[in-house]
Amino acid sequence: MRPRLQSGACVRPLSFTVRSPAPKPMRYWFSLGRSRWFGARLHVHLSVVILTVVVALAAVESPAFAAVTLLSFLGVVLLHEWGHAAVAHHFGYAVEGIWLAAIHGRCEYQAPETQWERSVIAWGGVAAQLAVAVPIIALDSVWHRSLGIFGPVVLILGYYSWLVAMFNLLPLKGLDGPLAWRIIPLLRKRIEARRVVRNALGRRRDR
């Protein structure tokens, strides 16, 4: 029997995305409380704290540059998980938590009831990344001046995020790809079903 949420009227089973190993008990995770993003609880891994210290020590002479670099890297992970959360929330599923580590993340939400919803939610993370990366890359292609402190933003939230999104779509276990690409046969079935319905309605009108 699968576990179910106990709060309120939420009775759908709880599910987790499978891009990264399940978070350990709170030994290395720190809860920052409920966020404004769909009421999800935000958890930060110890690796984020370590990364922050390392970057700060490595760029003592340019703290602003270090801060922008660090926030850009974390922004890629957070943006991806926010995309999953946004689509899950759109379908009416409660988003219970967002887990943020230095190089990976995790979104915890109620289990979708259909394969179509599962696949669309899987695309949510990649779509959120590309919604930011593509305009940044396009702007960089026509902007021929020095980017200054915004260089890491373009490099990380643009090019690096685009590469991460493409990698995450590979049909490999542990990535979003296996679930995301199921949308193609599901979309074919939906189109075929609509075609059958239209034909049936057309024949009924001709009678």
C-alpha atoms as a PDB file:
ATOM      1  CA  MET A   1       0.000   0.000   0.000  1.00  0.00           C
ATOM      2  CA  ARG A   2       1.478   3.331  -1.049  1.00  0.00           C
ATOM      3  CA  PRO A   3       1.786   6.123   1.544  1.00  0.00           C
ATOM      4  CA  ARG A   4      -0.612   9.019   1.281  1.00  0.00           C
ATOM      5  CA  LEU A   5      -0.550  12.585   2.430  1.00  0.00           C
ATOM      6  CA  GLN A   6      -2.270  13.094   5.739  1.00  0.00           C
ATOM      7  CA  SER A   7      -2.861  16.841   5.681  1.00  0.00           C
ATOM      8  CA  GLY A   8      -6.156  18.416   4.706  1.00  0.00           C
ATOM      9  CA  ALA A   9      -8.154  16.751   1.965  1.00  0.00           C
ATOM     10  CA  CYS A  10      -5.099  15.600   0.055  1.00  0.00           C
ATOM     11  CA  VAL A  11      -5.572  11.912  -0.539  1.00  0.00           C
ATOM     12  CA  ARG A  12      -3.403  11.271  -3.582  1.00  0.00           C
ATOM     13  CA  PRO A  13      -0.241   9.183  -3.033  1.00  0.00           C
ATOM     14  CA  LEU A  14       2.993  11.080  -2.549  1.00  0.00           C
ATOM     15  CA  SER A  15       5.577  10.796  -5.304  1.00  0.00           C
ATOM     16  CA  PHE A  16       9.094  12.044  -5.874  1.00  0.00           C
ATOM     17  CA  THR A  17      10.971  12.986  -8.998  1.00  0.00           C
ATOM     18  CA  VAL A  18      13.786  10.553  -9.736  1.00  0.00           C
ATOM     19  CA  ARG A  19      16.616  12.732 -11.010  1.00  0.00           C
ATOM     20  CA  SER A  20      18.737  12.266  -7.904  1.00  0.00           C
ATOM     21  CA  PRO A  21      19.004   9.831  -4.997  1.00  0.00           C
ATOM     22  CA  ALA A  22      16.441  10.263  -2.258  1.00  0.00           C
ATOM     23  CA  PRO A  23      17.474  12.822   0.335  1.00  0.00           C
ATOM     24  CA  LYS A  24      18.914  11.354   3.513  1.00  0.00           C
ATOM     25  CA  PRO A  25      17.248  12.062   6.839  1.00  0.00           C
ATOM     26  CA  MET A  26      17.870  15.621   7.964  1.00  0.00           C
ATOM     27  CA  ARG A  27      21.504  14.883   8.874  1.00  0.00           C
ATOM     28  CA  TYR A  28      22.843  16.848   5.918  1.00  0.00           C
ATOM     29  CA  TRP A  29      19.758  18.831   4.973  1.00  0.00           C
ATOM     30  CA  PHE A  30      18.545  22.053   6.548  1.00  0.00           C
ATOM     31  CA  SER A  31      14.937  23.169   6.302  1.00  0.00           C
ATOM     32  CA  LEU A  32      14.366  26.856   5.596  1.00  0.00           C
ATOM     33  CA  GLY A  33      10.642  26.591   6.215  1.00  0.00           C
ATOM     34  CA  ARG A  34       7.766  27.096   3.834  1.00  0.00           C
ATOM     35  CA  SER A  35       8.577  29.171   0.783  1.00  0.00           C
ATOM     36  CA  ARG A  36       6.288  31.403  -1.244  1.00  0.00           C
ATOM     37  CA  TRP A  37       6.554  28.976  -4.143  1.00  0.00           C
ATOM     38  CA  PHE A  38       3.329  27.003  -3.914  1.00  0.00           C
ATOM     39  CA  GLY A  39       3.769  26.632  -0.152  1.00  0.00           C
ATOM     40  CA  ALA A  40       6.566  24.107  -0.633  1.00  0.00           C
ATOM     41  CA  ARG A  41       9.085  23.573   2.140  1.00  0.00           C
ATOM     42  CA  LEU A  42      12.591  24.506   0.982  1.00  0.00           C
ATOM     43  CA  HIS A  43      15.519  22.305   2.053  1.00  0.00           C
ATOM     44  CA  VAL A  44      19.183  23.175   1.504  1.00  0.00           C
ATOM     45  CA  HIS A  45      21.991  20.606   1.521  1.00  0.00           C
ATOM     46  CA  LEU A  46      25.256  21.024   3.385  1.00  0.00           C
ATOM     47  CA  SER A  47      27.050  21.036   0.007  1.00  0.00           C
ATOM     48  CA  VAL A  48      25.499  24.451  -0.702  1.00  0.00           C
ATOM     49  CA  VAL A  49      27.085  25.857   2.451  1.00  0.00           C
ATOM     50  CA  ILE A  50      30.444  24.299   1.556  1.00  0.00           C
ATOM     51  CA  LEU A  51      30.269  25.637  -2.001  1.00  0.00           C
ATOM     52  CA  THR A  52      29.453  29.103  -0.695  1.00  0.00           C
ATOM     53  CA  VAL A  53      32.504  29.086   1.585  1.00  0.00           C
ATOM     54  CA  VAL A  54      34.816  27.783  -1.159  1.00  0.00           C
ATOM     55  CA  VAL A  55      33.682  30.382  -3.689  1.00  0.00           C
ATOM     56  CA  ALA A  56      33.951  33.153  -1.109  1.00  0.00           C
ATOM     57  CA  LEU A  57      37.518  32.180  -0.195  1.00  0.00           C
ATOM     58  CA  ALA A  58      38.549  31.802  -3.831  1.00  0.00           C
ATOM     59  CA  ALA A  59      37.294  35.257  -4.789  1.00  0.00           C
ATOM     60  CA  VAL A  60      38.121  37.445  -1.820  1.00  0.00           C
ATOM     61  CA  GLU A  61      39.193  40.274  -4.100  1.00  0.00           C
ATOM     62  CA  SER A  62      35.928  40.227  -6.026  1.00  0.00           C
ATOM     63  CA  PRO A  63      33.054  39.280  -3.695  1.00  0.00           C
ATOM     64  CA  ALA A  64      30.421  40.655  -6.049  1.00  0.00           C
ATOM     65  CA  PHE A  65      31.677  38.474  -8.910  1.00  0.00           C
ATOM     66  CA  ALA A  66      31.759  35.462  -6.570  1.00  0.00           C
ATOM     67  CA  ALA A  67      28.210  36.125  -5.395  1.00  0.00           C
ATOM     68  CA  VAL A  68      26.871  36.374  -8.943  1.00  0.00           C
ATOM     69  CA  THR A  69      28.670  33.153  -9.925  1.00  0.00           C
ATOM     70  CA  LEU A  70      27.350  31.251  -6.919  1.00  0.00           C
ATOM     71  CA  LEU A  71      23.787  32.498  -7.323  1.00  0.00           C
ATOM     72  CA  SER A  72      23.858  31.620 -11.031  1.00  0.00           C
ATOM     73  CA  PHE A  73      24.904  28.027 -10.347  1.00  0.00           C
ATOM     74  CA  LEU A  74      22.287  27.577  -7.644  1.00  0.00           C
ATOM     75  CA  GLY A  75      19.791  29.349  -9.867  1.00  0.00           C
ATOM     76  CA  VAL A  76      20.077  26.631 -12.521  1.00  0.00           C
ATOM     77  CA  VAL A  77      19.118  23.931 -10.000  1.00  0.00           C
ATOM     78  CA  LEU A  78      16.407  25.993  -8.347  1.00  0.00           C
ATOM     79  CA  LEU A  79      14.929  27.050 -11.687  1.00  0.00           C
ATOM     80  CA  HIS A  80      14.696  23.418 -12.795  1.00  0.00           C
ATOM     81  CA  GLU A  81      12.927  22.311  -9.625  1.00  0.00           C
ATOM     82  CA  TRP A  82      10.658  25.348  -9.711  1.00  0.00           C
ATOM     83  CA  GLY A  83       9.596  24.305 -13.210  1.00  0.00           C
ATOM     84  CA  HIS A  84       8.531  20.877 -11.969  1.00  0.00           C
ATOM     85  CA  ALA A  85       6.726  22.465  -9.029  1.00  0.00           C
ATOM     86  CA  ALA A  86       4.910  25.004 -11.226  1.00  0.00           C
ATOM     87  CA  VAL A  87       3.520  22.354 -13.586  1.00  0.00           C
ATOM     88  CA  ALA A  88       2.551  20.021 -10.723  1.00  0.00           C
ATOM     89  CA  HIS A  89       0.757  22.921  -9.043  1.00  0.00           C
ATOM     90  CA  HIS A  90      -0.946  23.779 -12.347  1.00  0.00           C
ATOM     91  CA  PHE A  91      -2.425  20.275 -12.432  1.00  0.00           C
ATOM     92  CA  GLY A  92      -3.715  20.710  -8.891  1.00  0.00           C
ATOM     93  CA  TYR A  93      -1.126  18.642  -7.012  1.00  0.00           C
ATOM     94  CA  ALA A  94       0.324  19.808  -3.724  1.00  0.00           C
ATOM     95  CA  VAL A  95       4.031  20.600  -3.828  1.00  0.00           C
ATOM     96  CA  GLU A  96       5.472  19.415  -0.529  1.00  0.00           C
ATOM     97  CA  GLY A  97       9.142  20.302  -0.837  1.00  0.00           C
ATOM     98  CA  ILE A  98      12.014  21.539  -2.974  1.00  0.00           C
ATOM     99  CA  TRP A  99      15.461  20.129  -2.156  1.00  0.00           C
ATOM    100  CA  LEU A 100      18.464  22.179  -3.244  1.00  0.00           C
ATOM    101  CA  ALA A 101      22.015  20.789  -3.319  1.00  0.00           C
ATOM    102  CA  ALA A 102      25.143  22.176  -4.956  1.00  0.00           C
ATOM    103  CA  ILE A 103      24.783  20.320  -8.264  1.00  0.00           C
ATOM    104  CA  HIS A 104      21.364  18.691  -8.162  1.00  0.00           C
ATOM    105  CA  GLY A 105      17.886  19.168  -6.785  1.00  0.00           C
ATOM    106  CA  ARG A 106      14.649  17.419  -6.079  1.00  0.00           C
ATOM    107  CA  CYS A 107      10.972  18.321  -6.199  1.00  0.00           C
ATOM    108  CA  GLU A 108       8.505  16.518  -3.954  1.00  0.00           C
ATOM    109  CA  TYR A 109       4.859  16.565  -5.004  1.00  0.00           C
ATOM    110  CA  GLN A 110       1.724  14.451  -4.994  1.00  0.00           C
ATOM    111  CA  ALA A 111       1.745  11.582  -7.459  1.00  0.00           C
ATOM    112  CA  PRO A 112       0.064  12.502 -10.766  1.00  0.00           C
ATOM    113  CA  GLU A 113      -2.994  10.459 -11.674  1.00  0.00           C
ATOM    114  CA  THR A 114      -2.217  10.075 -15.384  1.00  0.00           C
ATOM    115  CA  GLN A 115       0.830   9.299 -17.519  1.00  0.00           C
ATOM    116  CA  TRP A 116       0.193  12.482 -19.473  1.00  0.00           C
ATOM    117  CA  GLU A 117       0.509  14.625 -16.349  1.00  0.00           C
ATOM    118  CA  ARG A 118       3.657  12.773 -15.260  1.00  0.00           C
ATOM    119  CA  SER A 119       5.270  13.422 -18.614  1.00  0.00           C
ATOM    120  CA  VAL A 120       4.295  17.095 -18.752  1.00  0.00           C
ATOM    121  CA  ILE A 121       5.605  17.648 -15.207  1.00  0.00           C
ATOM    122  CA  ALA A 122       8.883  16.007 -16.257  1.00  0.00           C
ATOM    123  CA  TRP A 123       9.158  18.599 -19.034  1.00  0.00           C
ATOM    124  CA  GLY A 124       8.506  21.412 -16.568  1.00  0.00           C
ATOM    125  CA  GLY A 125      12.078  21.594 -15.285  1.00  0.00           C
ATOM    126  CA  VAL A 126      13.653  21.691 -18.736  1.00  0.00           C
ATOM    127  CA  ALA A 127      11.068  24.189 -19.984  1.00  0.00           C
ATOM    128  CA  ALA A 128      11.826  26.557 -17.100  1.00  0.00           C
ATOM    129  CA  GLN A 129      15.558  26.372 -17.814  1.00  0.00           C
ATOM    130  CA  LEU A 130      15.121  26.992 -21.541  1.00  0.00           C
ATOM    131  CA  ALA A 131      12.694  29.857 -20.917  1.00  0.00           C
ATOM    132  CA  VAL A 132      15.597  31.676 -19.282  1.00  0.00           C
ATOM    133  CA  ALA A 133      18.573  30.245 -21.195  1.00  0.00           C
ATOM    134  CA  VAL A 134      17.333  30.836 -24.744  1.00  0.00           C
ATOM    135  CA  PRO A 135      16.692  34.605 -24.356  1.00  0.00           C
ATOM    136  CA  ILE A 136      20.050  35.018 -22.592  1.00  0.00           C
ATOM    137  CA  ILE A 137      21.911  33.186 -25.362  1.00  0.00           C
ATOM    138  CA  ALA A 138      20.027  35.151 -28.027  1.00  0.00           C
ATOM    139  CA  LEU A 139      20.899  38.439 -26.318  1.00  0.00           C
ATOM    140  CA  ASP A 140      24.537  37.416 -25.968  1.00  0.00           C
ATOM    141  CA  SER A 141      24.711  36.670 -29.708  1.00  0.00           C
ATOM    142  CA  VAL A 142      23.910  40.305 -30.542  1.00  0.00           C
ATOM    143  CA  TRP A 143      25.572  41.996 -27.556  1.00  0.00           C
ATOM    144  CA  HIS A 144      29.208  42.631 -28.459  1.00  0.00           C
ATOM    145  CA  ARG A 145      30.257  44.642 -25.423  1.00  0.00           C
ATOM    146  CA  SER A 146      31.866  43.550 -22.186  1.00  0.00           C
ATOM    147  CA  LEU A 147      29.428  41.853 -19.824  1.00  0.00           C
ATOM    148  CA  GLY A 148      31.415  42.676 -16.726  1.00  0.00           C
ATOM    149  CA  ILE A 149      29.887  41.243 -13.587  1.00  0.00           C
ATOM    150  CA  PHE A 150      27.046  39.741 -15.618  1.00  0.00           C
ATOM    151  CA  GLY A 151      29.422  37.419 -17.459  1.00  0.00           C
ATOM    152  CA  PRO A 152      28.703  34.480 -15.105  1.00  0.00           C
ATOM    153  CA  VAL A 153      24.964  35.007 -15.567  1.00  0.00           C
ATOM    154  CA  VAL A 154      25.266  34.605 -19.326  1.00  0.00           C
ATOM    155  CA  LEU A 155      27.711  31.712 -19.115  1.00  0.00           C
ATOM    156  CA  ILE A 156      25.885  29.754 -16.389  1.00  0.00           C
ATOM    157  CA  LEU A 157      22.182  30.617 -16.703  1.00  0.00           C
ATOM    158  CA  GLY A 158      22.565  30.706 -20.471  1.00  0.00           C
ATOM    159  CA  TYR A 159      24.974  28.221 -22.021  1.00  0.00           C
ATOM    160  CA  TYR A 160      25.590  25.946 -19.049  1.00  0.00           C
ATOM    161  CA  SER A 161      21.888  25.704 -18.202  1.00  0.00           C
ATOM    162  CA  TRP A 162      21.082  24.869 -21.839  1.00  0.00           C
ATOM    163  CA  LEU A 163      23.621  22.024 -21.789  1.00  0.00           C
ATOM    164  CA  VAL A 164      22.276  20.724 -18.482  1.00  0.00           C
ATOM    165  CA  ALA A 165      18.740  20.772 -19.864  1.00  0.00           C
ATOM    166  CA  MET A 166      19.776  18.804 -22.951  1.00  0.00           C
ATOM    167  CA  PHE A 167      21.667  16.293 -20.817  1.00  0.00           C
ATOM    168  CA  ASN A 168      18.678  15.868 -18.533  1.00  0.00           C
ATOM    169  CA  LEU A 169      16.562  14.847 -21.527  1.00  0.00           C
ATOM    170  CA  LEU A 170      18.746  11.840 -22.306  1.00  0.00           C
ATOM    171  CA  PRO A 171      16.784   8.573 -21.917  1.00  0.00           C
ATOM    172  CA  LEU A 172      18.877   7.457 -18.953  1.00  0.00           C
ATOM    173  CA  LYS A 173      17.718   6.228 -15.576  1.00  0.00           C
ATOM    174  CA  GLY A 174      17.806   8.959 -12.972  1.00  0.00           C
ATOM    175  CA  LEU A 175      17.153  11.754 -15.484  1.00  0.00           C
ATOM    176  CA  ASP A 176      13.903  13.309 -16.695  1.00  0.00           C
ATOM    177  CA  GLY A 177      14.350  11.928 -20.217  1.00  0.00           C
ATOM    178  CA  PRO A 178      12.703   8.493 -19.854  1.00  0.00           C
ATOM    179  CA  LEU A 179       9.530  10.044 -18.474  1.00  0.00           C
ATOM    180  CA  ALA A 180       9.588  13.193 -20.564  1.00  0.00           C
ATOM    181  CA  TRP A 181       9.820  11.433 -23.944  1.00  0.00           C
ATOM    182  CA  ARG A 182       6.741   9.347 -23.187  1.00  0.00           C
ATOM    183  CA  ILE A 183       4.838  12.450 -24.188  1.00  0.00           C
ATOM    184  CA  ILE A 184       5.327  11.606 -27.883  1.00  0.00           C
ATOM    185  CA  PRO A 185       3.279   8.362 -27.988  1.00  0.00           C
ATOM    186  CA  LEU A 186       0.816   9.883 -25.514  1.00  0.00           C
ATOM    187  CA  LEU A 187       0.393  12.914 -27.765  1.00  0.00           C
ATOM    188  CA  ARG A 188      -0.205  10.644 -30.761  1.00  0.00           C
ATOM    189  CA  LYS A 189      -2.922   8.827 -28.841  1.00  0.00           C
ATOM    190  CA  ARG A 190      -4.586  12.091 -27.854  1.00  0.00           C
ATOM    191  CA  ILE A 191      -4.530  13.348 -31.450  1.00  0.00           C
ATOM    192  CA  GLU A 192      -5.919  10.048 -32.709  1.00  0.00           C
ATOM    193  CA  ALA A 193      -8.656  10.069 -30.071  1.00  0.00           C
ATOM    194  CA  ARG A 194      -9.690  13.590 -31.051  1.00  0.00           C
ATOM    195  CA  ARG A 195      -9.723  12.591 -34.724  1.00  0.00           C
ATOM    196  CA  VAL A 196     -11.995   9.645 -33.968  1.00  0.00           C
ATOM    197  CA  VAL A 197     -14.345  11.879 -31.967  1.00  0.00           C
ATOM    198  CA  ARG A 198     -14.491  14.476 -34.756  1.00  0.00           C
ATOM    199  CA  ASN A 199     -15.251  11.800 -37.342  1.00  0.00           C
ATOM    200  CA  ALA A 200     -17.971  10.322 -35.149  1.00  0.00           C
ATOM    201  CA  LEU A 201     -19.565  13.740 -34.633  1.00  0.00           C
ATOM    202  CA  GLY A 202     -19.320  14.453 -38.347  1.00  0.00           C
ATOM    203  CA  ARG A 203     -21.125  11.225 -39.245  1.00  0.00           C
ATOM    204  CA  ARG A 204     -23.825  11.994 -36.694  1.00  0.00           C
ATOM    205  CA  ARG A 205     -24.448  15.420 -38.217  1.00  0.00           C
ATOM    206  CA  ASP A 206     -24.732  13.903 -41.719  1.00  0.00           C
ATOM    207  CA  ARG A 207     -27.568  11.639 -40.641  1.00  0.00           C
END
